Protein backbone atom coordinates (compact mmCIF):
# COMPACT_ATOMS: atom_id res chain seq x y z
CA MET A 1 60.66 51.66 28.74
CA ARG A 2 57.62 53.93 28.71
CA SER A 3 54.16 52.44 29.06
CA VAL A 4 51.84 52.21 26.07
CA LEU A 5 49.42 54.53 27.86
CA ASP A 6 52.13 57.17 28.28
CA ILE A 7 53.00 56.95 24.58
CA VAL A 8 49.36 57.22 23.48
CA ILE A 9 48.74 60.22 25.74
CA GLU A 10 51.94 61.92 24.58
CA THR A 11 50.98 61.39 20.94
CA ALA A 12 47.42 62.64 21.51
CA LYS A 13 48.81 65.78 23.16
CA GLU A 14 51.16 66.42 20.24
CA VAL A 15 48.32 66.03 17.73
CA GLY A 16 46.18 68.25 19.95
CA GLU A 17 48.80 70.99 19.75
CA GLU A 18 48.94 70.68 15.95
CA GLN A 19 45.13 70.72 15.70
CA GLU A 20 44.67 73.33 18.43
CA SER A 21 42.45 71.01 20.45
CA GLN A 22 42.55 71.77 24.15
CA ALA A 23 40.80 68.49 24.94
CA LEU A 24 43.68 66.57 23.37
CA ILE A 25 46.35 68.82 24.85
CA ASP A 26 44.86 67.90 28.26
CA ALA A 27 44.44 64.20 27.29
CA THR A 28 43.87 61.55 29.94
CA GLU A 29 42.96 57.88 29.70
CA GLU A 30 39.26 58.82 29.36
CA THR A 31 39.71 61.39 26.56
CA LEU A 32 37.50 60.70 23.56
CA LEU A 33 39.25 60.69 20.20
CA PHE A 34 37.61 60.04 16.83
CA GLY A 35 34.28 61.73 16.31
CA ARG A 36 34.67 63.96 19.34
CA ASN A 37 38.10 65.54 19.38
CA LEU A 38 39.62 64.22 16.14
CA ASP A 39 38.45 64.24 12.56
CA SER A 40 39.63 61.63 10.06
CA MET A 41 42.83 63.55 9.23
CA GLY A 42 43.59 63.90 12.92
CA VAL A 43 43.29 60.15 13.30
CA VAL A 44 45.73 59.68 10.42
CA PHE A 45 48.28 61.93 12.15
CA LEU A 46 47.71 60.19 15.48
CA VAL A 47 48.06 56.71 13.98
CA THR A 48 51.22 57.42 11.99
CA ASP A 49 52.91 59.17 14.92
CA LEU A 50 51.89 56.42 17.33
CA GLU A 51 53.10 53.62 15.05
CA GLU A 52 56.47 55.37 14.76
CA LYS A 53 56.82 55.83 18.52
CA VAL A 54 55.88 52.20 19.20
CA SER A 55 58.52 51.08 16.71
CA GLU A 56 61.16 53.23 18.40
CA GLU A 57 60.18 52.30 21.96
CA TYR A 58 59.33 48.60 21.61
CA GLY A 59 61.26 47.59 18.48
CA VAL A 60 58.19 46.18 16.70
CA ASP A 61 56.23 47.39 13.71
CA ILE A 62 52.46 47.50 14.07
CA THR A 63 49.63 48.66 11.83
CA LEU A 64 46.88 50.37 13.77
CA ALA A 65 44.52 51.30 10.93
CA ASP A 66 43.58 48.21 8.97
CA ALA A 67 40.54 46.04 8.29
CA ARG A 68 40.94 44.37 11.67
CA ALA A 69 40.76 47.70 13.48
CA MET A 70 37.74 48.79 11.48
CA SER A 71 35.87 45.56 12.21
CA GLN A 72 36.14 45.86 16.01
CA ARG A 73 32.85 46.10 17.86
CA THR A 74 34.21 49.13 19.72
CA SER A 75 36.47 51.28 17.57
CA PRO A 76 40.05 51.32 18.83
CA PHE A 77 40.06 55.02 17.98
CA ARG A 78 37.12 55.86 20.28
CA SER A 79 39.22 56.97 23.24
CA VAL A 80 42.73 57.04 24.63
CA ASN A 81 41.87 53.95 26.68
CA THR A 82 40.56 51.88 23.74
CA LEU A 83 43.54 52.93 21.58
CA THR A 84 45.95 52.01 24.37
CA ASN A 85 44.40 48.57 24.80
CA TYR A 86 44.39 47.91 21.05
CA THR A 87 47.98 49.12 20.65
CA ARG A 88 49.11 46.97 23.58
CA SER A 89 47.49 43.88 22.04
CA LEU A 90 49.24 44.52 18.69
CA ILE A 91 52.59 44.97 20.44
CA ASP A 92 52.10 41.69 22.33
CA GLU A 93 51.25 39.88 19.08
CA ALA A 94 54.23 41.34 17.27
CA LYS A 95 56.59 40.38 20.10
CA SER A 96 55.26 36.81 20.19
CA GLU A 97 55.97 36.51 16.44
CA GLN A 98 59.61 37.55 16.81
């Protein structure tokens, strides 16, 4: 099973290719996302692709963009690292509810 970080980076790179963003194509854990390298539509593509990959890889359905995400002190969409941590926490919650 691939790590959440690997999935987030892979998804960011794919969106980077679609959006022609070299920063995303070269994504690392420190890469900034929303507001720096992604606009709101880019975030939508990233979120939907990431949710699909998580479902395939981990067998759980998560919702990344909801009121909970928007109310976080630090946006989960700020960087690859914050998105990875937020995604991992949602996966853990979903698994504990199964």
